[in-house]
Amino acid sequence: MIEKISKERSEVPEPVPVSLGGIRYEVLPWGKARGFGQNGGFIVAIDEATGEEKWILKIYDMLYDHDMEEDKQDIFISELEVESEYLLHVVNEREEHYLVNIETQSVTKWVD
């Protein structure tokens, strides 16, 4: 019997959540499970006192090639850091950097 080799992802990054002003910001890796059109690329703001989700923000779009398996194309957030009192620094597996303004919920791609 020939053993089938799994091409499933072995690891999905799990960045440590960060907190600012009583709000915890964490990565939502499985967006499709929540009804979004992609996995990866989302952060969630959670009120630390109540546990209530305040908002979910898409940081970047995933463009899937329909000739390939979608799960092999997912790009997950690998780092989440506080940049300042109102900015988060987000890095994905492709080493793309983004700044998120948590006051306006706007995203800017960080270009060197």
C-alpha atoms as a PDB file:
ATOM      1  CA  MET A   1       0.000   0.000   0.000  1.00  0.00           C
ATOM      2  CA  ILE A   2       1.334   3.429  -0.967  1.00  0.00           C
ATOM      3  CA  GLU A   3       1.326   5.959   1.855  1.00  0.00           C
ATOM      4  CA  LYS A   4      -0.406   9.180   0.908  1.00  0.00           C
ATOM      5  CA  ILE A   5       1.733  12.211   1.720  1.00  0.00           C
ATOM      6  CA  SER A   6      -0.221  15.008   3.346  1.00  0.00           C
ATOM      7  CA  LYS A   7       0.325  18.473   1.948  1.00  0.00           C
ATOM      8  CA  GLU A   8      -1.662  20.084   4.747  1.00  0.00           C
ATOM      9  CA  ARG A   9      -0.063  22.984   6.557  1.00  0.00           C
ATOM     10  CA  SER A  10       1.742  21.709   9.591  1.00  0.00           C
ATOM     11  CA  GLU A  11       1.781  24.991  11.505  1.00  0.00           C
ATOM     12  CA  VAL A  12      -0.214  28.172  11.487  1.00  0.00           C
ATOM     13  CA  PRO A  13       1.442  31.132  13.255  1.00  0.00           C
ATOM     14  CA  GLU A  14      -0.089  32.055  16.603  1.00  0.00           C
ATOM     15  CA  PRO A  15       1.009  35.621  17.402  1.00  0.00           C
ATOM     16  CA  VAL A  16       0.648  36.706  21.022  1.00  0.00           C
ATOM     17  CA  PRO A  17      -2.298  39.123  21.529  1.00  0.00           C
ATOM     18  CA  VAL A  18      -1.477  42.700  22.544  1.00  0.00           C
ATOM     19  CA  SER A  19      -3.422  45.151  24.731  1.00  0.00           C
ATOM     20  CA  LEU A  20      -3.945  48.885  24.579  1.00  0.00           C
ATOM     21  CA  GLY A  21      -6.334  50.912  26.728  1.00  0.00           C
ATOM     22  CA  GLY A  22      -8.385  47.958  27.920  1.00  0.00           C
ATOM     23  CA  ILE A  23      -8.764  46.453  24.445  1.00  0.00           C
ATOM     24  CA  ARG A  24      -7.023  43.228  23.465  1.00  0.00           C
ATOM     25  CA  TYR A  25      -6.066  42.825  19.811  1.00  0.00           C
ATOM     26  CA  GLU A  26      -5.609  39.311  18.508  1.00  0.00           C
ATOM     27  CA  VAL A  27      -5.355  37.500  15.212  1.00  0.00           C
ATOM     28  CA  LEU A  28      -8.345  35.691  13.699  1.00  0.00           C
ATOM     29  CA  PRO A  29      -6.712  32.983  11.544  1.00  0.00           C
ATOM     30  CA  TRP A  30      -9.809  31.133  10.309  1.00  0.00           C
ATOM     31  CA  GLY A  31     -11.896  33.835   8.650  1.00  0.00           C
ATOM     32  CA  LYS A  32     -13.827  31.384   6.474  1.00  0.00           C
ATOM     33  CA  ALA A  33     -15.210  29.715   9.610  1.00  0.00           C
ATOM     34  CA  ARG A  34     -16.685  33.103  10.562  1.00  0.00           C
ATOM     35  CA  GLY A  35     -18.247  33.659   7.115  1.00  0.00           C
ATOM     36  CA  PHE A  36     -15.464  35.752   5.590  1.00  0.00           C
ATOM     37  CA  GLY A  37     -14.102  34.927   2.131  1.00  0.00           C
ATOM     38  CA  GLN A  38     -10.572  34.110   3.247  1.00  0.00           C
ATOM     39  CA  ASN A  39      -8.434  32.620   5.973  1.00  0.00           C
ATOM     40  CA  GLY A  40      -5.716  34.847   7.386  1.00  0.00           C
ATOM     41  CA  GLY A  41      -5.432  38.602   7.346  1.00  0.00           C
ATOM     42  CA  PHE A  42      -7.829  39.555  10.159  1.00  0.00           C
ATOM     43  CA  ILE A  43      -7.446  41.050  13.616  1.00  0.00           C
ATOM     44  CA  VAL A  44     -10.107  41.262  16.314  1.00  0.00           C
ATOM     45  CA  ALA A  45     -10.546  43.959  18.989  1.00  0.00           C
ATOM     46  CA  ILE A  46     -11.931  42.560  22.258  1.00  0.00           C
ATOM     47  CA  ASP A  47     -12.986  44.527  25.335  1.00  0.00           C
ATOM     48  CA  GLU A  48     -10.865  43.037  28.124  1.00  0.00           C
ATOM     49  CA  ALA A  49     -13.439  43.809  30.834  1.00  0.00           C
ATOM     50  CA  THR A  50     -16.449  42.212  29.120  1.00  0.00           C
ATOM     51  CA  GLY A  51     -14.919  39.852  26.551  1.00  0.00           C
ATOM     52  CA  GLU A  52     -17.126  41.488  23.910  1.00  0.00           C
ATOM     53  CA  GLU A  53     -15.819  41.692  20.337  1.00  0.00           C
ATOM     54  CA  LYS A  54     -15.695  45.349  19.389  1.00  0.00           C
ATOM     55  CA  TRP A  55     -14.722  44.877  15.746  1.00  0.00           C
ATOM     56  CA  ILE A  56     -12.979  42.659  13.211  1.00  0.00           C
ATOM     57  CA  LEU A  57     -10.703  44.240  10.629  1.00  0.00           C
ATOM     58  CA  LYS A  58      -9.308  42.761   7.423  1.00  0.00           C
ATOM     59  CA  ILE A  59      -5.667  43.793   7.086  1.00  0.00           C
ATOM     60  CA  TYR A  60      -5.064  42.486   3.554  1.00  0.00           C
ATOM     61  CA  ASP A  61      -6.928  40.695   0.764  1.00  0.00           C
ATOM     62  CA  MET A  62      -6.177  37.148  -0.286  1.00  0.00           C
ATOM     63  CA  LEU A  63      -6.323  36.525  -4.013  1.00  0.00           C
ATOM     64  CA  TYR A  64      -6.879  32.817  -4.527  1.00  0.00           C
ATOM     65  CA  ASP A  65      -5.827  30.994  -7.703  1.00  0.00           C
ATOM     66  CA  HIS A  66      -8.796  28.730  -8.402  1.00  0.00           C
ATOM     67  CA  ASP A  67      -6.501  26.191 -10.112  1.00  0.00           C
ATOM     68  CA  MET A  68      -4.794  25.480  -6.779  1.00  0.00           C
ATOM     69  CA  GLU A  69      -6.108  24.251  -3.434  1.00  0.00           C
ATOM     70  CA  GLU A  70      -7.140  27.310  -1.444  1.00  0.00           C
ATOM     71  CA  ASP A  71      -5.815  26.050   1.893  1.00  0.00           C
ATOM     72  CA  LYS A  72      -2.318  25.887   0.416  1.00  0.00           C
ATOM     73  CA  GLN A  73      -2.567  29.574  -0.513  1.00  0.00           C
ATOM     74  CA  ASP A  74      -3.636  30.990   2.853  1.00  0.00           C
ATOM     75  CA  ILE A  75      -1.284  33.659   4.210  1.00  0.00           C
ATOM     76  CA  PHE A  76      -1.498  34.131   7.951  1.00  0.00           C
ATOM     77  CA  ILE A  77      -0.464  36.968  10.224  1.00  0.00           C
ATOM     78  CA  SER A  78       2.765  35.991  11.946  1.00  0.00           C
ATOM     79  CA  GLU A  79       3.446  39.023  14.179  1.00  0.00           C
ATOM     80  CA  LEU A  80       1.331  41.562  16.024  1.00  0.00           C
ATOM     81  CA  GLU A  81       3.002  44.371  17.981  1.00  0.00           C
ATOM     82  CA  VAL A  82       2.135  47.709  19.545  1.00  0.00           C
ATOM     83  CA  GLU A  83       3.813  50.451  17.508  1.00  0.00           C
ATOM     84  CA  SER A  84       2.452  53.437  19.472  1.00  0.00           C
ATOM     85  CA  GLU A  85      -0.576  54.341  21.603  1.00  0.00           C
ATOM     86  CA  TYR A  86      -2.862  54.084  18.554  1.00  0.00           C
ATOM     87  CA  LEU A  87      -0.893  52.008  16.014  1.00  0.00           C
ATOM     88  CA  LEU A  88      -0.415  48.268  15.662  1.00  0.00           C
ATOM     89  CA  HIS A  89       2.308  46.747  13.519  1.00  0.00           C
ATOM     90  CA  VAL A  90       1.182  43.602  11.680  1.00  0.00           C
ATOM     91  CA  VAL A  91       3.445  41.249   9.715  1.00  0.00           C
ATOM     92  CA  ASN A  92       2.298  38.288   7.643  1.00  0.00           C
ATOM     93  CA  GLU A  93       4.071  35.117   6.522  1.00  0.00           C
ATOM     94  CA  ARG A  94       5.291  36.838   3.349  1.00  0.00           C
ATOM     95  CA  GLU A  95       7.053  39.448   5.500  1.00  0.00           C
ATOM     96  CA  GLU A  96       4.609  42.144   4.352  1.00  0.00           C
ATOM     97  CA  HIS A  97       4.238  44.878   6.997  1.00  0.00           C
ATOM     98  CA  TYR A  98       1.110  46.878   7.807  1.00  0.00           C
ATOM     99  CA  LEU A  99       0.252  49.656  10.247  1.00  0.00           C
ATOM    100  CA  VAL A 100      -3.231  49.638  11.746  1.00  0.00           C
ATOM    101  CA  ASN A 101      -4.668  52.805  13.241  1.00  0.00           C
ATOM    102  CA  ILE A 102      -6.912  51.417  15.987  1.00  0.00           C
ATOM    103  CA  GLU A 103      -8.760  54.734  16.383  1.00  0.00           C
ATOM    104  CA  THR A 104      -9.869  54.908  12.736  1.00  0.00           C
ATOM    105  CA  GLN A 105      -9.530  51.187  11.913  1.00  0.00           C
ATOM    106  CA  SER A 106      -7.527  52.108   8.840  1.00  0.00           C
ATOM    107  CA  VAL A 107      -4.700  50.031   7.393  1.00  0.00           C
ATOM    108  CA  THR A 108      -1.574  51.258   5.630  1.00  0.00           C
ATOM    109  CA  LYS A 109       0.901  48.938   3.967  1.00  0.00           C
ATOM    110  CA  TRP A 110       4.361  49.650   5.303  1.00  0.00           C
ATOM    111  CA  VAL A 111       6.732  50.209   2.401  1.00  0.00           C
ATOM    112  CA  ASP A 112      10.468  50.619   3.030  1.00  0.00           C
END
